[in-house]
Amino acid sequence: MNTRIHDLLATRIHEVEEAVRKAAAAEIMPRFRQLADHEVVQKNGPHDLVTVADRLAEEHLTASLTALLPGSVVVGEEAVHADPAILDALHGDAPVWIVDPVDGTRQFVHGDPGFCTLVALARHGEVLASWTYAAARDEMAVAVRGRGVLLDGSPLAQAPRAAGSDLQVATSHPDFTTDDQKRALLGLRTEGVAPRPCGSAGLEYLAIAKGELDAVAFSWENAWDHAAGLLLVTETGGGHLTVAGEPFRIEGGNALPFTAARDAATVERVIGLLRDEG
């Protein structure tokens, strides 16, 4: 592992947490339930929104995170929207901060507290650490590869699933699926499974890590939506696979849809349903 990354993860990980909290306090929470109409813009339709808080929080995080790890780069949702070539950094040698400043912008715009800020640190396609901060709930989950998850400073161990209960699965919004993906997701409409539309992807992953949700089944692969949460899930005993039977790759090029779930058996069950294998 890069020496500077090792130092950051060994002794200074709290500094990243503080940077995330400061960005949310400065740019996101003062605008929660205070947005003017001109501060909200549609990117790719009515379900894909961006606000002034998204942009300013990403700028704040870009400055603070690269200062904490010299030589690192940022792949942020809003920067990539402006310049898709920024995604190439996921294939490079430099450490990459993957940032979603407001995951669940639709909820944020509507005054719903179901949004979060997502930050992940990756290199060569491997997520090394992640920070999931639900600012409106003041809830912070920090995952470090091989070292588990802390939720508000305490170790997080996933609760066991209730025997005999329906499988609770959060799924992609129909606006973000192709016809083939819609057909695959219909496989979840079967006895013993209770699918529902997802909210903030980051908070759905956190719900899996906490044992409140069994799985997600998503049909898009933006790294900023998934990198932080996938580490939360794997560090609490879960896993992930695409319909091609391969682990999800944050660099892209995945067969979709894919699932992340609380344990290996649930991963296999959901993938089987997505492939219409019963």
Protein backbone atom coordinates (compact mmCIF):
# COMPACT_ATOMS: atom_id res chain seq x y z
CA MET A 1 0.00 0.00 0.00
CA ASN A 2 1.17 3.55 -0.75
CA THR A 3 3.01 4.92 2.34
CA ARG A 4 0.91 8.06 2.51
CA ILE A 5 -2.31 6.06 2.28
CA HIS A 6 -1.09 3.74 5.04
CA ASP A 7 -0.30 6.70 7.28
CA LEU A 8 -3.71 8.24 6.63
CA LEU A 9 -5.59 5.03 7.39
CA ALA A 10 -3.42 4.14 10.39
CA THR A 11 -3.29 7.43 12.28
CA ARG A 12 -5.31 10.16 10.60
CA ILE A 13 -8.58 8.58 9.53
CA HIS A 14 -10.48 10.84 11.94
CA GLU A 15 -9.26 13.82 9.90
CA VAL A 16 -11.23 12.60 6.89
CA GLU A 17 -14.32 12.19 9.06
CA GLU A 18 -13.88 15.75 10.28
CA ALA A 19 -13.49 17.02 6.71
CA VAL A 20 -16.77 15.33 5.73
CA ARG A 21 -18.56 16.78 8.75
CA LYS A 22 -17.22 20.27 8.03
CA ALA A 23 -18.32 20.18 4.39
CA ALA A 24 -21.82 19.15 5.41
CA ALA A 25 -22.00 21.78 8.15
CA ALA A 26 -20.76 24.56 5.86
CA GLU A 27 -22.52 23.81 2.58
CA ILE A 28 -25.35 21.28 3.03
CA MET A 29 -27.18 21.67 6.31
CA PRO A 30 -27.60 25.49 6.14
CA ARG A 31 -29.50 24.90 2.86
CA PHE A 32 -31.61 21.97 4.07
CA ARG A 33 -35.27 23.03 3.76
CA GLN A 34 -34.01 26.50 2.76
CA LEU A 35 -33.41 26.06 -0.99
CA ALA A 36 -34.70 28.68 -3.39
CA ASP A 37 -36.18 27.54 -6.70
CA HIS A 38 -33.19 28.81 -8.69
CA GLU A 39 -30.82 26.72 -6.53
CA VAL A 40 -32.25 23.43 -7.90
CA VAL A 41 -31.59 22.25 -11.47
CA GLN A 42 -32.57 19.11 -13.40
CA LYS A 43 -29.61 17.25 -14.92
CA ASN A 44 -31.17 14.33 -16.79
CA GLY A 45 -34.84 14.61 -15.92
CA PRO A 46 -37.08 15.28 -12.92
CA HIS A 47 -35.59 12.45 -10.84
CA ASP A 48 -31.97 13.57 -11.39
CA LEU A 49 -31.49 16.88 -9.59
CA VAL A 50 -28.52 18.97 -8.54
CA THR A 51 -28.47 21.86 -6.09
CA VAL A 52 -26.07 24.58 -5.08
CA ALA A 53 -25.36 22.48 -1.98
CA ASP A 54 -24.14 19.56 -4.12
CA ARG A 55 -21.74 21.75 -6.04
CA LEU A 56 -20.33 23.71 -3.12
CA ALA A 57 -19.98 20.67 -0.86
CA GLU A 58 -18.07 18.82 -3.59
CA GLU A 59 -15.75 21.79 -4.04
CA HIS A 60 -15.21 21.94 -0.27
CA LEU A 61 -14.41 18.21 -0.09
CA THR A 62 -12.15 18.31 -3.14
CA ALA A 63 -9.97 20.95 -1.48
CA SER A 64 -9.86 19.33 1.96
CA LEU A 65 -9.38 15.70 0.87
CA THR A 66 -6.55 16.36 -1.59
CA ALA A 67 -4.81 18.43 1.10
CA LEU A 68 -5.02 15.46 3.48
CA LEU A 69 -3.46 13.12 0.91
CA PRO A 70 -1.03 14.93 -1.43
CA GLY A 71 -0.95 13.38 -4.88
CA SER A 72 -4.51 12.13 -4.64
CA VAL A 73 -7.29 13.07 -7.05
CA VAL A 74 -11.06 13.39 -6.76
CA VAL A 75 -13.76 11.76 -8.84
CA GLY A 76 -16.89 13.63 -7.82
CA GLU A 77 -20.38 13.33 -9.22
CA GLU A 78 -20.71 16.98 -10.19
CA ALA A 79 -17.21 17.28 -11.64
CA VAL A 80 -17.79 14.18 -13.78
CA HIS A 81 -21.10 15.61 -14.99
CA ALA A 82 -19.17 18.66 -16.23
CA ASP A 83 -16.22 16.64 -17.59
CA PRO A 84 -16.69 12.86 -18.05
CA ALA A 85 -12.95 12.42 -18.70
CA ILE A 86 -12.40 12.79 -14.94
CA LEU A 87 -13.62 9.20 -14.61
CA ASP A 88 -10.34 8.05 -16.18
CA ALA A 89 -8.70 8.63 -12.79
CA LEU A 90 -10.33 5.41 -11.57
CA HIS A 91 -7.94 3.53 -13.89
CA GLY A 92 -4.82 5.48 -12.90
CA ASP A 93 -2.09 5.01 -10.28
CA ALA A 94 -2.98 7.93 -8.03
CA PRO A 95 -5.16 7.40 -4.94
CA VAL A 96 -8.72 8.45 -5.74
CA TRP A 97 -11.31 10.05 -3.52
CA ILE A 98 -14.76 9.10 -4.83
CA VAL A 99 -17.28 11.71 -3.71
CA ASP A 100 -21.04 12.05 -3.78
CA PRO A 101 -21.67 15.32 -1.91
CA VAL A 102 -25.42 14.79 -1.54
CA ASP A 103 -26.56 11.25 -2.21
CA GLY A 104 -30.34 11.43 -2.29
CA THR A 105 -30.59 14.93 -3.75
CA ARG A 106 -34.26 14.37 -4.52
CA GLN A 107 -34.94 13.75 -0.82
CA PHE A 108 -32.78 16.74 0.14
CA VAL A 109 -34.74 19.01 -2.20
CA HIS A 110 -38.05 17.81 -0.76
CA GLY A 111 -36.96 18.41 2.83
CA ASP A 112 -36.67 14.70 3.61
CA PRO A 113 -33.73 13.79 5.91
CA GLY A 114 -33.02 10.62 3.87
CA PHE A 115 -29.81 11.86 2.23
CA CYS A 116 -26.12 11.49 2.99
CA THR A 117 -22.60 12.44 1.95
CA LEU A 118 -20.46 9.63 0.57
CA VAL A 119 -16.67 9.53 0.40
CA ALA A 120 -14.52 6.54 -0.50
CA LEU A 121 -10.76 6.21 -0.90
CA ALA A 122 -9.67 3.79 -3.62
CA ARG A 123 -6.59 2.77 -5.56
CA HIS A 124 -6.31 0.43 -8.52
CA GLY A 125 -10.02 -0.33 -8.29
CA GLU A 126 -9.92 -1.41 -4.64
CA VAL A 127 -11.91 0.57 -2.08
CA LEU A 128 -9.69 1.02 0.98
CA ALA A 129 -11.93 3.10 3.24
CA SER A 130 -15.27 4.86 3.18
CA TRP A 131 -17.27 7.46 5.05
CA THR A 132 -21.08 7.60 4.98
CA TYR A 133 -22.47 10.64 6.76
CA ALA A 134 -26.21 11.19 7.20
CA ALA A 135 -25.96 14.82 8.31
CA ALA A 136 -29.65 15.33 9.09
CA ARG A 137 -29.46 12.34 11.46
CA ASP A 138 -25.87 13.09 12.58
CA GLU A 139 -24.98 9.46 11.82
CA MET A 140 -21.48 8.57 10.62
CA ALA A 141 -20.34 5.15 9.41
CA VAL A 142 -16.63 4.61 8.72
CA ALA A 143 -15.36 1.43 7.07
CA VAL A 144 -11.73 0.43 6.57
CA ARG A 145 -10.83 -2.61 4.50
CA GLY A 146 -9.99 -5.50 6.81
CA ARG A 147 -10.83 -3.53 9.95
CA GLY A 148 -14.63 -3.52 9.99
CA VAL A 149 -17.09 -0.68 10.44
CA LEU A 150 -17.58 1.94 13.12
CA LEU A 151 -21.02 3.51 13.42
CA ASP A 152 -20.86 6.70 15.46
CA GLY A 153 -17.60 5.44 16.94
CA SER A 154 -18.81 1.96 17.96
CA PRO A 155 -18.11 -1.32 16.13
CA LEU A 156 -21.01 -2.34 13.90
CA ALA A 157 -22.00 -5.99 13.82
CA GLN A 158 -24.88 -6.87 11.52
CA ALA A 159 -28.00 -8.13 13.26
CA PRO A 160 -29.17 -11.66 12.30
CA ARG A 161 -32.04 -11.92 9.87
CA ALA A 162 -35.40 -12.88 11.33
CA ALA A 163 -36.21 -16.48 10.40
CA GLY A 164 -39.10 -16.89 7.99
CA SER A 165 -39.40 -13.22 7.09
CA ASP A 166 -39.68 -11.97 3.51
CA LEU A 167 -36.47 -10.85 1.84
CA GLN A 168 -36.40 -7.05 1.96
CA VAL A 169 -34.82 -5.68 -1.25
CA ALA A 170 -34.41 -2.05 -2.36
CA THR A 171 -34.41 -1.73 -6.16
CA SER A 172 -33.61 0.80 -8.88
CA HIS A 173 -36.11 3.48 -9.81
CA PRO A 174 -37.76 2.54 -13.15
CA ASP A 175 -36.49 5.77 -14.75
CA PHE A 176 -32.94 4.45 -14.51
CA THR A 177 -33.45 1.02 -16.08
CA THR A 178 -33.45 -0.38 -19.59
CA ASP A 179 -36.18 -2.74 -20.76
CA ASP A 180 -33.92 -5.75 -20.17
CA GLN A 181 -33.10 -4.53 -16.68
CA LYS A 182 -36.78 -3.99 -15.91
CA ARG A 183 -37.44 -7.60 -16.90
CA ALA A 184 -34.60 -8.79 -14.67
CA LEU A 185 -35.89 -6.79 -11.71
CA LEU A 186 -39.36 -8.29 -12.21
CA GLY A 187 -37.80 -11.56 -11.07
CA LEU A 188 -37.85 -10.15 -7.54
CA ARG A 189 -41.64 -10.03 -7.58
CA THR A 190 -42.04 -13.49 -6.20
CA GLU A 191 -43.20 -15.18 -3.04
CA GLY A 192 -40.93 -14.57 -0.10
CA VAL A 193 -39.41 -11.36 -1.50
CA ALA A 194 -40.57 -7.83 -0.73
CA PRO A 195 -39.00 -5.39 -3.24
CA ARG A 196 -39.41 -1.64 -2.91
CA PRO A 197 -37.98 1.42 -4.70
CA CYS A 198 -34.70 2.62 -3.26
CA GLY A 199 -34.02 5.96 -1.67
CA SER A 200 -30.50 7.23 -1.16
CA ALA A 201 -28.21 4.41 -2.31
CA GLY A 202 -25.73 5.21 0.43
CA LEU A 203 -28.36 4.89 3.13
CA GLU A 204 -29.65 1.63 1.63
CA TYR A 205 -26.15 0.15 1.87
CA LEU A 206 -25.94 1.38 5.47
CA ALA A 207 -29.28 -0.29 6.18
CA ILE A 208 -27.82 -3.60 4.96
CA ALA A 209 -24.78 -3.15 7.19
CA LYS A 210 -27.08 -2.47 10.16
CA GLY A 211 -29.28 -5.49 9.43
CA GLU A 212 -32.33 -3.38 8.56
CA LEU A 213 -32.37 -4.42 4.87
CA ASP A 214 -31.41 -7.69 3.20
CA ALA A 215 -30.24 -6.57 -0.22
CA VAL A 216 -30.23 -4.01 -2.99
CA ALA A 217 -30.63 -4.66 -6.71
CA PHE A 218 -29.36 -1.73 -8.76
CA SER A 219 -29.12 -1.10 -12.50
CA TRP A 220 -26.63 1.77 -12.63
CA GLU A 221 -22.93 1.78 -11.83
CA ASN A 222 -21.84 5.31 -10.91
CA ALA A 223 -18.88 4.79 -8.60
CA TRP A 224 -19.87 7.64 -6.28
CA ASP A 225 -23.19 5.94 -5.50
CA HIS A 226 -21.73 2.52 -4.71
CA ALA A 227 -18.07 2.59 -3.62
CA ALA A 228 -18.62 3.70 -0.03
CA GLY A 229 -21.59 1.43 0.59
CA LEU A 230 -20.10 -1.69 -0.94
CA LEU A 231 -17.26 -1.52 1.58
CA LEU A 232 -19.78 -1.11 4.41
CA VAL A 233 -21.56 -4.25 3.25
CA THR A 234 -18.46 -6.40 2.77
CA GLU A 235 -16.92 -5.32 6.07
CA THR A 236 -20.07 -6.45 7.91
CA GLY A 237 -20.08 -9.90 6.30
CA GLY A 238 -21.97 -9.27 3.06
CA GLY A 239 -21.04 -9.46 -0.59
CA HIS A 240 -21.94 -8.36 -4.11
CA LEU A 241 -22.26 -9.83 -7.60
CA THR A 242 -23.42 -8.75 -11.03
CA VAL A 243 -25.73 -10.86 -13.19
CA ALA A 244 -22.55 -12.13 -14.89
CA GLY A 245 -21.52 -13.69 -11.57
CA GLU A 246 -18.64 -11.25 -11.05
CA PRO A 247 -17.97 -8.83 -8.20
CA PHE A 248 -19.04 -5.27 -8.98
CA ARG A 249 -16.15 -3.13 -10.27
CA ILE A 250 -16.09 0.55 -9.30
CA GLU A 251 -14.23 1.33 -12.54
CA GLY A 252 -17.35 0.40 -14.54
CA GLY A 253 -18.07 -2.02 -17.36
CA ASN A 254 -20.31 -4.19 -15.20
CA ALA A 255 -23.10 -6.48 -16.38
CA LEU A 256 -26.27 -5.03 -14.87
CA PRO A 257 -28.25 -5.23 -12.71
CA PHE A 258 -26.15 -6.23 -9.72
CA THR A 259 -26.86 -6.96 -6.08
CA ALA A 260 -25.21 -6.33 -2.74
CA ALA A 261 -26.58 -8.29 0.16
CA ARG A 262 -26.08 -9.10 3.82
CA ASP A 263 -24.50 -12.54 3.27
CA ALA A 264 -23.34 -14.88 0.51
CA ALA A 265 -26.55 -16.94 0.52
CA THR A 266 -28.67 -13.83 0.00
CA VAL A 267 -26.38 -12.62 -2.78
CA GLU A 268 -26.84 -15.92 -4.62
CA ARG A 269 -30.60 -15.94 -4.08
CA VAL A 270 -31.07 -12.42 -5.44
CA ILE A 271 -28.79 -13.04 -8.43
CA GLY A 272 -30.74 -16.21 -9.21
CA LEU A 273 -33.99 -14.25 -9.23
CA LEU A 274 -32.49 -11.53 -11.41
CA ARG A 275 -31.44 -14.23 -13.87
CA ASP A 276 -34.92 -15.76 -13.62
CA GLU A 277 -33.51 -18.96 -12.12
CA GLY A 278 -36.11 -19.05 -9.32
